[in-house]
Amino acid sequence: MLKNTNHAQAGQNVFMSSVVGLANTVAVIATFFGAPELWRRTVGYVRETTYQLNGPAWVDFATIAWFAICVALVFYISRASIGTALIFGGLAIVTRFM
């Protein structure tokens, strides 16, 4: 009897796409709450450093750019962490019941 390898691969694709979707969703939520807090706690330092190094003309640009950097940092770090945790958690569940 022939084994159906396409069925197993389809199951893996569904699992991985679900992991990616869930990781993205939770990362957006973490970014919504975490990025403004990170920005609020660090923007003073960025503004002061920009003012000392580049003058007052660059302070507003650096403030906006720093917010974009904070958003990207929180999103990508949380997505990588959550995706890894979900994959290892899924593998732990699968190996437990096999």
PDB file of N, CA and C in Angstrom:
ATOM      1  N   MET A   1       0.831  -1.166   0.000  1.00  0.00           N
ATOM      2  CA  MET A   1       0.000   0.000   0.000  1.00  0.00           C
ATOM      3  C   MET A   1       0.886   1.243   0.000  1.00  0.00           C
ATOM      4  N   LEU A   2       0.548   2.241  -0.773  1.00  0.00           N
ATOM      5  CA  LEU A   2       1.328   3.456  -0.891  1.00  0.00           C
ATOM      6  C   LEU A   2       0.980   4.425   0.238  1.00  0.00           C
ATOM      7  N   LYS A   3       2.016   5.076   0.757  1.00  0.00           N
ATOM      8  CA  LYS A   3       1.797   6.092   1.785  1.00  0.00           C
ATOM      9  C   LYS A   3       1.459   7.426   1.116  1.00  0.00           C
ATOM     10  N   ASN A   4       0.572   8.132   1.724  1.00  0.00           N
ATOM     11  CA  ASN A   4       0.177   9.436   1.203  1.00  0.00           C
ATOM     12  C   ASN A   4       1.017  10.513   1.879  1.00  0.00           C
ATOM     13  N   THR A   5       2.124  10.894   1.266  1.00  0.00           N
ATOM     14  CA  THR A   5       3.013  11.911   1.848  1.00  0.00           C
ATOM     15  C   THR A   5       2.447  13.311   1.674  1.00  0.00           C
ATOM     16  N   ASN A   6       1.602  13.515   0.699  1.00  0.00           N
ATOM     17  CA  ASN A   6       1.008  14.832   0.501  1.00  0.00           C
ATOM     18  C   ASN A   6       0.104  15.214   1.663  1.00  0.00           C
ATOM     19  N   HIS A   7      -0.555  14.238   2.260  1.00  0.00           N
ATOM     20  CA  HIS A   7      -1.442  14.510   3.393  1.00  0.00           C
ATOM     21  C   HIS A   7      -0.646  15.039   4.592  1.00  0.00           C
ATOM     22  N   ALA A   8       0.491  14.404   4.876  1.00  0.00           N
ATOM     23  CA  ALA A   8       1.327  14.844   5.999  1.00  0.00           C
ATOM     24  C   ALA A   8       1.895  16.230   5.722  1.00  0.00           C
ATOM     25  N   GLN A   9       2.316  16.474   4.498  1.00  0.00           N
ATOM     26  CA  GLN A   9       2.870  17.775   4.151  1.00  0.00           C
ATOM     27  C   GLN A   9       1.792  18.861   4.222  1.00  0.00           C
ATOM     28  N   ALA A  10       0.585  18.542   3.819  1.00  0.00           N
ATOM     29  CA  ALA A  10      -0.510  19.502   3.909  1.00  0.00           C
ATOM     30  C   ALA A  10      -0.811  19.849   5.359  1.00  0.00           C
ATOM     31  N   GLY A  11      -0.751  18.859   6.234  1.00  0.00           N
ATOM     32  CA  GLY A  11      -0.963  19.120   7.659  1.00  0.00           C
ATOM     33  C   GLY A  11       0.110  20.013   8.235  1.00  0.00           C
ATOM     34  N   GLN A  12       1.359  19.809   7.827  1.00  0.00           N
ATOM     35  CA  GLN A  12       2.455  20.663   8.282  1.00  0.00           C
ATOM     36  C   GLN A  12       2.288  22.083   7.764  1.00  0.00           C
ATOM     37  N   ASN A  13       1.839  22.233   6.520  1.00  0.00           N
ATOM     38  CA  ASN A  13       1.637  23.565   5.957  1.00  0.00           C
ATOM     39  C   ASN A  13       0.533  24.312   6.697  1.00  0.00           C
ATOM     40  N   VAL A  14      -0.541  23.612   7.043  1.00  0.00           N
ATOM     41  CA  VAL A  14      -1.628  24.245   7.787  1.00  0.00           C
ATOM     42  C   VAL A  14      -1.137  24.666   9.169  1.00  0.00           C
ATOM     43  N   PHE A  15      -0.366  23.797   9.830  1.00  0.00           N
ATOM     44  CA  PHE A  15       0.162  24.116  11.154  1.00  0.00           C
ATOM     45  C   PHE A  15       1.083  25.329  11.083  1.00  0.00           C
ATOM     46  N   MET A  16       2.000  25.346  10.128  1.00  0.00           N
ATOM     47  CA  MET A  16       2.958  26.442  10.038  1.00  0.00           C
ATOM     48  C   MET A  16       2.276  27.758   9.658  1.00  0.00           C
ATOM     49  N   SER A  17       1.300  27.710   8.769  1.00  0.00           N
ATOM     50  CA  SER A  17       0.608  28.949   8.423  1.00  0.00           C
ATOM     51  C   SER A  17      -0.218  29.461   9.603  1.00  0.00           C
ATOM     52  N   SER A  18      -0.744  28.561  10.404  1.00  0.00           N
ATOM     53  CA  SER A  18      -1.466  28.973  11.608  1.00  0.00           C
ATOM     54  C   SER A  18      -0.518  29.573  12.634  1.00  0.00           C
ATOM     55  N   VAL A  19       0.663  28.986  12.771  1.00  0.00           N
ATOM     56  CA  VAL A  19       1.662  29.526  13.702  1.00  0.00           C
ATOM     57  C   VAL A  19       2.080  30.929  13.269  1.00  0.00           C
ATOM     58  N   VAL A  20       2.326  31.109  11.990  1.00  0.00           N
ATOM     59  CA  VAL A  20       2.734  32.420  11.482  1.00  0.00           C
ATOM     60  C   VAL A  20       1.615  33.439  11.690  1.00  0.00           C
ATOM     61  N   GLY A  21       0.389  33.051  11.391  1.00  0.00           N
ATOM     62  CA  GLY A  21      -0.740  33.962  11.584  1.00  0.00           C
ATOM     63  C   GLY A  21      -0.944  34.343  13.034  1.00  0.00           C
ATOM     64  N   LEU A  22      -0.870  33.360  13.920  1.00  0.00           N
ATOM     65  CA  LEU A  22      -1.031  33.645  15.349  1.00  0.00           C
ATOM     66  C   LEU A  22       0.120  34.492  15.871  1.00  0.00           C
ATOM     67  N   ALA A  23       1.341  34.189  15.450  1.00  0.00           N
ATOM     68  CA  ALA A  23       2.498  34.975  15.886  1.00  0.00           C
ATOM     69  C   ALA A  23       2.384  36.422  15.409  1.00  0.00           C
ATOM     70  N   ASN A  24       1.938  36.626  14.189  1.00  0.00           N
ATOM     71  CA  ASN A  24       1.754  37.988  13.680  1.00  0.00           C
ATOM     72  C   ASN A  24       0.673  38.734  14.454  1.00  0.00           C
ATOM     73  N   THR A  25      -0.426  38.063  14.738  1.00  0.00           N
ATOM     74  CA  THR A  25      -1.518  38.702  15.466  1.00  0.00           C
ATOM     75  C   THR A  25      -1.096  39.103  16.867  1.00  0.00           C
ATOM     76  N   VAL A  26      -0.448  38.202  17.574  1.00  0.00           N
ATOM     77  CA  VAL A  26      -0.006  38.512  18.937  1.00  0.00           C
ATOM     78  C   VAL A  26       1.100  39.563  18.914  1.00  0.00           C
ATOM     79  N   ALA A  27       1.948  39.543  17.882  1.00  0.00           N
ATOM     80  CA  ALA A  27       3.001  40.549  17.766  1.00  0.00           C
ATOM     81  C   ALA A  27       2.416  41.941  17.530  1.00  0.00           C
ATOM     82  N   VAL A  28       1.340  42.026  16.765  1.00  0.00           N
ATOM     83  CA  VAL A  28       0.676  43.323  16.560  1.00  0.00           C
ATOM     84  C   VAL A  28       0.105  43.832  17.882  1.00  0.00           C
ATOM     85  N   ILE A  29      -0.487  42.947  18.657  1.00  0.00           N
ATOM     86  CA  ILE A  29      -1.030  43.348  19.963  1.00  0.00           C
ATOM     87  C   ILE A  29       0.090  43.801  20.889  1.00  0.00           C
ATOM     88  N   ALA A  30       1.192  43.058  20.926  1.00  0.00           N
ATOM     89  CA  ALA A  30       2.334  43.441  21.760  1.00  0.00           C
ATOM     90  C   ALA A  30       2.918  44.772  21.304  1.00  0.00           C
ATOM     91  N   THR A  31       2.944  44.994  20.006  1.00  0.00           N
ATOM     92  CA  THR A  31       3.457  46.253  19.478  1.00  0.00           C
ATOM     93  C   THR A  31       2.535  47.409  19.846  1.00  0.00           C
ATOM     94  N   PHE A  32       1.239  47.187  19.792  1.00  0.00           N
ATOM     95  CA  PHE A  32       0.275  48.236  20.130  1.00  0.00           C
ATOM     96  C   PHE A  32       0.477  48.728  21.561  1.00  0.00           C
ATOM     97  N   PHE A  33       0.734  47.793  22.479  1.00  0.00           N
ATOM     98  CA  PHE A  33       0.899  48.178  23.875  1.00  0.00           C
ATOM     99  C   PHE A  33       2.355  48.474  24.245  1.00  0.00           C
ATOM    100  N   GLY A  34       3.312  47.811  23.600  1.00  0.00           N
ATOM    101  CA  GLY A  34       4.702  47.922  24.016  1.00  0.00           C
ATOM    102  C   GLY A  34       5.494  49.035  23.370  1.00  0.00           C
ATOM    103  N   ALA A  35       5.246  49.323  22.100  1.00  0.00           N
ATOM    104  CA  ALA A  35       6.049  50.324  21.397  1.00  0.00           C
ATOM    105  C   ALA A  35       5.900  51.728  21.983  1.00  0.00           C
ATOM    106  N   PRO A  36       4.683  52.189  22.279  1.00  0.00           N
ATOM    107  CA  PRO A  36       4.585  53.527  22.879  1.00  0.00           C
ATOM    108  C   PRO A  36       5.283  53.623  24.239  1.00  0.00           C
ATOM    109  N   GLU A  37       5.232  52.552  25.006  1.00  0.00           N
ATOM    110  CA  GLU A  37       5.900  52.560  26.311  1.00  0.00           C
ATOM    111  C   GLU A  37       7.419  52.598  26.153  1.00  0.00           C
ATOM    112  N   LEU A  38       7.958  51.805  25.231  1.00  0.00           N
ATOM    113  CA  LEU A  38       9.398  51.838  24.956  1.00  0.00           C
ATOM    114  C   LEU A  38       9.809  53.214  24.462  1.00  0.00           C
ATOM    115  N   TRP A  39       9.018  53.772  23.566  1.00  0.00           N
ATOM    116  CA  TRP A  39       9.316  55.101  23.025  1.00  0.00           C
ATOM    117  C   TRP A  39       9.292  56.162  24.123  1.00  0.00           C
ATOM    118  N   ARG A  40       8.279  56.109  24.982  1.00  0.00           N
ATOM    119  CA  ARG A  40       8.143  57.103  26.047  1.00  0.00           C
ATOM    120  C   ARG A  40       9.332  57.079  27.000  1.00  0.00           C
ATOM    121  N   ARG A  41       9.832  55.885  27.286  1.00  0.00           N
ATOM    122  CA  ARG A  41      10.941  55.752  28.232  1.00  0.00           C
ATOM    123  C   ARG A  41      12.302  56.101  27.633  1.00  0.00           C
ATOM    124  N   THR A  42      12.418  56.139  26.303  1.00  0.00           N
ATOM    125  CA  THR A  42      13.723  56.357  25.678  1.00  0.00           C
ATOM    126  C   THR A  42      13.805  57.618  24.831  1.00  0.00           C
ATOM    127  N   VAL A  43      12.693  58.267  24.530  1.00  0.00           N
ATOM    128  CA  VAL A  43      12.718  59.402  23.601  1.00  0.00           C
ATOM    129  C   VAL A  43      13.477  60.592  24.179  1.00  0.00           C
ATOM    130  N   GLY A  44      13.475  60.769  25.470  1.00  0.00           N
ATOM    131  CA  GLY A  44      14.224  61.884  26.061  1.00  0.00           C
ATOM    132  C   GLY A  44      15.708  61.778  25.777  1.00  0.00           C
ATOM    133  N   TYR A  45      16.228  60.593  25.940  1.00  0.00           N
ATOM    134  CA  TYR A  45      17.648  60.359  25.653  1.00  0.00           C
ATOM    135  C   TYR A  45      17.950  60.593  24.172  1.00  0.00           C
ATOM    136  N   VAL A  46      17.087  60.117  23.300  1.00  0.00           N
ATOM    137  CA  VAL A  46      17.298  60.271  21.858  1.00  0.00           C
ATOM    138  C   VAL A  46      17.238  61.745  21.470  1.00  0.00           C
ATOM    139  N   ARG A  47      16.281  62.468  22.020  1.00  0.00           N
ATOM    140  CA  ARG A  47      16.156  63.901  21.715  1.00  0.00           C
ATOM    141  C   ARG A  47      17.377  64.677  22.200  1.00  0.00           C
ATOM    142  N   GLU A  48      17.804  64.398  23.412  1.00  0.00           N
ATOM    143  CA  GLU A  48      18.963  65.100  23.968  1.00  0.00           C
ATOM    144  C   GLU A  48      20.233  64.788  23.188  1.00  0.00           C
ATOM    145  N   THR A  49      20.439  63.535  22.852  1.00  0.00           N
ATOM    146  CA  THR A  49      21.623  63.146  22.086  1.00  0.00           C
ATOM    147  C   THR A  49      21.602  63.765  20.689  1.00  0.00           C
ATOM    148  N   THR A  50      20.442  63.759  20.049  1.00  0.00           N
ATOM    149  CA  THR A  50      20.321  64.364  18.726  1.00  0.00           C
ATOM    150  C   THR A  50      20.588  65.858  18.793  1.00  0.00           C
ATOM    151  N   TYR A  51      20.069  66.509  19.807  1.00  0.00           N
ATOM    152  CA  TYR A  51      20.288  67.956  19.963  1.00  0.00           C
ATOM    153  C   TYR A  51      21.775  68.266  20.143  1.00  0.00           C
ATOM    154  N   GLN A  52      22.463  67.473  20.949  1.00  0.00           N
ATOM    155  CA  GLN A  52      23.890  67.715  21.194  1.00  0.00           C
ATOM    156  C   GLN A  52      24.753  67.403  19.977  1.00  0.00           C
ATOM    157  N   LEU A  53      24.410  66.351  19.253  1.00  0.00           N
ATOM    158  CA  LEU A  53      25.247  65.936  18.125  1.00  0.00           C
ATOM    159  C   LEU A  53      24.917  66.661  16.816  1.00  0.00           C
ATOM    160  N   ASN A  54      23.642  66.926  16.576  1.00  0.00           N
ATOM    161  CA  ASN A  54      23.226  67.436  15.264  1.00  0.00           C
ATOM    162  C   ASN A  54      22.536  68.787  15.296  1.00  0.00           C
ATOM    163  N   GLY A  55      22.197  69.288  16.451  1.00  0.00           N
ATOM    164  CA  GLY A  55      21.525  70.569  16.543  1.00  0.00           C
ATOM    165  C   GLY A  55      20.016  70.423  16.607  1.00  0.00           C
ATOM    166  N   PRO A  56      19.347  71.542  16.847  1.00  0.00           N
ATOM    167  CA  PRO A  56      17.890  71.503  17.056  1.00  0.00           C
ATOM    168  C   PRO A  56      17.084  71.182  15.804  1.00  0.00           C
ATOM    169  N   ALA A  57      17.647  71.339  14.631  1.00  0.00           N
ATOM    170  CA  ALA A  57      16.900  71.101  13.393  1.00  0.00           C
ATOM    171  C   ALA A  57      16.539  69.637  13.209  1.00  0.00           C
ATOM    172  N   TRP A  58      17.298  68.731  13.787  1.00  0.00           N
ATOM    173  CA  TRP A  58      17.091  67.295  13.584  1.00  0.00           C
ATOM    174  C   TRP A  58      16.289  66.632  14.702  1.00  0.00           C
ATOM    175  N   VAL A  59      15.951  67.361  15.734  1.00  0.00           N
ATOM    176  CA  VAL A  59      15.302  66.744  16.896  1.00  0.00           C
ATOM    177  C   VAL A  59      13.934  66.168  16.542  1.00  0.00           C
ATOM    178  N   ASP A  60      13.120  66.913  15.814  1.00  0.00           N
ATOM    179  CA  ASP A  60      11.783  66.416  15.461  1.00  0.00           C
ATOM    180  C   ASP A  60      11.859  65.197  14.539  1.00  0.00           C
ATOM    181  N   PHE A  61      12.766  65.236  13.577  1.00  0.00           N
ATOM    182  CA  PHE A  61      12.938  64.088  12.689  1.00  0.00           C
ATOM    183  C   PHE A  61      13.390  62.861  13.473  1.00  0.00           C
ATOM    184  N   ALA A  62      14.354  63.046  14.378  1.00  0.00           N
ATOM    185  CA  ALA A  62      14.852  61.920  15.180  1.00  0.00           C
ATOM    186  C   ALA A  62      13.762  61.359  16.072  1.00  0.00           C
ATOM    187  N   THR A  63      12.882  62.206  16.584  1.00  0.00           N
ATOM    188  CA  THR A  63      11.773  61.751  17.434  1.00  0.00           C
ATOM    189  C   THR A  63      10.826  60.849  16.649  1.00  0.00           C
ATOM    190  N   ILE A  64      10.467  61.258  15.449  1.00  0.00           N
ATOM    191  CA  ILE A  64       9.562  60.459  14.617  1.00  0.00           C
ATOM    192  C   ILE A  64      10.255  59.169  14.165  1.00  0.00           C
ATOM    193  N   ALA A  65      11.516  59.292  13.759  1.00  0.00           N
ATOM    194  CA  ALA A  65      12.254  58.104  13.325  1.00  0.00           C
ATOM    195  C   ALA A  65      12.420  57.119  14.482  1.00  0.00           C
ATOM    196  N   TRP A  66      12.637  57.637  15.681  1.00  0.00           N
ATOM    197  CA  TRP A  66      12.802  56.750  16.838  1.00  0.00           C
ATOM    198  C   TRP A  66      11.508  55.994  17.132  1.00  0.00           C
ATOM    199  N   PHE A  67      10.355  56.634  16.939  1.00  0.00           N
ATOM    200  CA  PHE A  67       9.088  55.933  17.136  1.00  0.00           C
ATOM    201  C   PHE A  67       8.952  54.781  16.139  1.00  0.00           C
ATOM    202  N   ALA A  68       9.314  55.014  14.876  1.00  0.00           N
ATOM    203  CA  ALA A  68       9.254  53.950  13.867  1.00  0.00           C
ATOM    204  C   ALA A  68      10.212  52.812  14.217  1.00  0.00           C
ATOM    205  N   ILE A  69      11.385  53.149  14.721  1.00  0.00           N
ATOM    206  CA  ILE A  69      12.349  52.122  15.124  1.00  0.00           C
ATOM    207  C   ILE A  69      11.811  51.314  16.301  1.00  0.00           C
ATOM    208  N   CYS A  70      11.181  51.984  17.266  1.00  0.00           N
ATOM    209  CA  CYS A  70      10.602  51.277  18.417  1.00  0.00           C
ATOM    210  C   CYS A  70       9.504  50.317  17.978  1.00  0.00           C
ATOM    211  N   VAL A  71       8.660  50.754  17.054  1.00  0.00           N
ATOM    212  CA  VAL A  71       7.594  49.890  16.546  1.00  0.00           C
ATOM    213  C   VAL A  71       8.197  48.656  15.877  1.00  0.00           C
ATOM    214  N   ALA A  72       9.190  48.846  15.031  1.00  0.00           N
ATOM    215  CA  ALA A  72       9.807  47.715  14.343  1.00  0.00           C
ATOM    216  C   ALA A  72      10.502  46.773  15.330  1.00  0.00           C
ATOM    217  N   LEU A  73      11.204  47.317  16.304  1.00  0.00           N
ATOM    218  CA  LEU A  73      11.884  46.481  17.298  1.00  0.00           C
ATOM    219  C   LEU A  73      10.903  45.604  18.067  1.00  0.00           C
ATOM    220  N   VAL A  74       9.861  46.223  18.582  1.00  0.00           N
ATOM    221  CA  VAL A  74       8.897  45.464  19.384  1.00  0.00           C
ATOM    222  C   VAL A  74       8.200  44.418  18.526  1.00  0.00           C
ATOM    223  N   PHE A  75       7.800  44.783  17.316  1.00  0.00           N
ATOM    224  CA  PHE A  75       7.079  43.837  16.459  1.00  0.00           C
ATOM    225  C   PHE A  75       7.937  42.629  16.101  1.00  0.00           C
ATOM    226  N   TYR A  76       9.137  42.862  15.598  1.00  0.00           N
ATOM    227  CA  TYR A  76       9.951  41.739  15.118  1.00  0.00           C
ATOM    228  C   TYR A  76      10.494  40.880  16.253  1.00  0.00           C
ATOM    229  N   ILE A  77      10.848  41.486  17.360  1.00  0.00           N
ATOM    230  CA  ILE A  77      11.315  40.683  18.492  1.00  0.00           C
ATOM    231  C   ILE A  77      10.176  39.844  19.055  1.00  0.00           C
ATOM    232  N   SER A  78       8.994  40.434  19.206  1.00  0.00           N
ATOM    233  CA  SER A  78       7.874  39.656  19.748  1.00  0.00           C
ATOM    234  C   SER A  78       7.417  38.585  18.757  1.00  0.00           C
ATOM    235  N   ARG A  79       7.434  38.875  17.466  1.00  0.00           N
ATOM    236  CA  ARG A  79       7.022  37.863  16.482  1.00  0.00           C
ATOM    237  C   ARG A  79       7.987  36.682  16.471  1.00  0.00           C
ATOM    238  N   ALA A  80       9.273  36.963  16.540  1.00  0.00           N
ATOM    239  CA  ALA A  80      10.254  35.876  16.562  1.00  0.00           C
ATOM    240  C   ALA A  80      10.118  35.044  17.835  1.00  0.00           C
ATOM    241  N   SER A  81       9.934  35.705  18.966  1.00  0.00           N
ATOM    242  CA  SER A  81       9.812  34.986  20.238  1.00  0.00           C
ATOM    243  C   SER A  81       8.544  34.144  20.288  1.00  0.00           C
ATOM    244  N   ILE A  82       7.440  34.726  19.873  1.00  0.00           N
ATOM    245  CA  ILE A  82       6.159  34.020  19.927  1.00  0.00           C
ATOM    246  C   ILE A  82       6.141  32.871  18.925  1.00  0.00           C
ATOM    247  N   GLY A  83       6.661  33.113  17.726  1.00  0.00           N
ATOM    248  CA  GLY A  83       6.716  32.044  16.724  1.00  0.00           C
ATOM    249  C   GLY A  83       7.551  30.867  17.191  1.00  0.00           C
ATOM    250  N   THR A  84       8.691  31.153  17.796  1.00  0.00           N
ATOM    251  CA  THR A  84       9.550  30.080  18.315  1.00  0.00           C
ATOM    252  C   THR A  84       8.857  29.327  19.436  1.00  0.00           C
ATOM    253  N   ALA A  85       8.220  30.063  20.342  1.00  0.00           N
ATOM    254  CA  ALA A  85       7.523  29.412  21.455  1.00  0.00           C
ATOM    255  C   ALA A  85       6.372  28.533  20.958  1.00  0.00           C
ATOM    256  N   LEU A  86       5.640  28.998  19.965  1.00  0.00           N
ATOM    257  CA  LEU A  86       4.535  28.204  19.428  1.00  0.00           C
ATOM    258  C   LEU A  86       5.027  26.939  18.735  1.00  0.00           C
ATOM    259  N   ILE A  87       6.119  27.053  17.997  1.00  0.00           N
ATOM    260  CA  ILE A  87       6.651  25.869  17.311  1.00  0.00           C
ATOM    261  C   ILE A  87       7.135  24.847  18.328  1.00  0.00           C
ATOM    262  N   PHE A  88       7.913  25.290  19.329  1.00  0.00           N
ATOM    263  CA  PHE A  88       8.393  24.350  20.344  1.00  0.00           C
ATOM    264  C   PHE A  88       7.248  23.796  21.179  1.00  0.00           C
ATOM    265  N   GLY A  89       6.246  24.631  21.464  1.00  0.00           N
ATOM    266  CA  GLY A  89       5.081  24.144  22.201  1.00  0.00           C
ATOM    267  C   GLY A  89       4.294  23.126  21.406  1.00  0.00           C
ATOM    268  N   GLY A  90       4.125  23.369  20.109  1.00  0.00           N
ATOM    269  CA  GLY A  90       3.432  22.413  19.245  1.00  0.00           C
ATOM    270  C   GLY A  90       4.181  21.102  19.129  1.00  0.00           C
ATOM    271  N   LEU A  91       5.494  21.196  19.014  1.00  0.00           N
ATOM    272  CA  LEU A  91       6.291  19.971  18.945  1.00  0.00           C
ATOM    273  C   LEU A  91       6.236  19.194  20.259  1.00  0.00           C
ATOM    274  N   ALA A  92       6.218  19.904  21.376  1.00  0.00           N
ATOM    275  CA  ALA A  92       6.126  19.231  22.676  1.00  0.00           C
ATOM    276  C   ALA A  92       4.789  18.498  22.816  1.00  0.00           C
ATOM    277  N   ILE A  93       3.729  19.124  22.356  1.00  0.00           N
ATOM    278  CA  ILE A  93       2.403  18.487  22.422  1.00  0.00           C
ATOM    279  C   ILE A  93       2.364  17.255  21.518  1.00  0.00           C
ATOM    280  N   VAL A  94       2.897  17.397  20.308  1.00  0.00           N
ATOM    281  CA  VAL A  94       2.889  16.274  19.363  1.00  0.00           C
ATOM    282  C   VAL A  94       3.700  15.117  19.903  1.00  0.00           C
ATOM    283  N   THR A  95       4.901  15.368  20.436  1.00  0.00           N
ATOM    284  CA  THR A  95       5.711  14.282  20.942  1.00  0.00           C
ATOM    285  C   THR A  95       5.132  13.668  22.195  1.00  0.00           C
ATOM    286  N   ARG A  96       4.377  14.425  22.945  1.00  0.00           N
ATOM    287  CA  ARG A  96       3.758  13.885  24.168  1.00  0.00           C
ATOM    288  C   ARG A  96       2.691  12.850  23.818  1.00  0.00           C
ATOM    289  N   PHE A  97       1.931  13.085  22.774  1.00  0.00           N
ATOM    290  CA  PHE A  97       0.844  12.191  22.417  1.00  0.00           C
ATOM    291  C   PHE A  97       1.243  11.118  21.400  1.00  0.00           C
ATOM    292  N   MET A  98       2.474  11.091  20.982  1.00  0.00           N
ATOM    293  CA  MET A  98       2.903  10.063  20.030  1.00  0.00           C
ATOM    294  C   MET A  98       3.519   8.883  20.733  1.00  0.00           C
TER     295      MET A  98
END
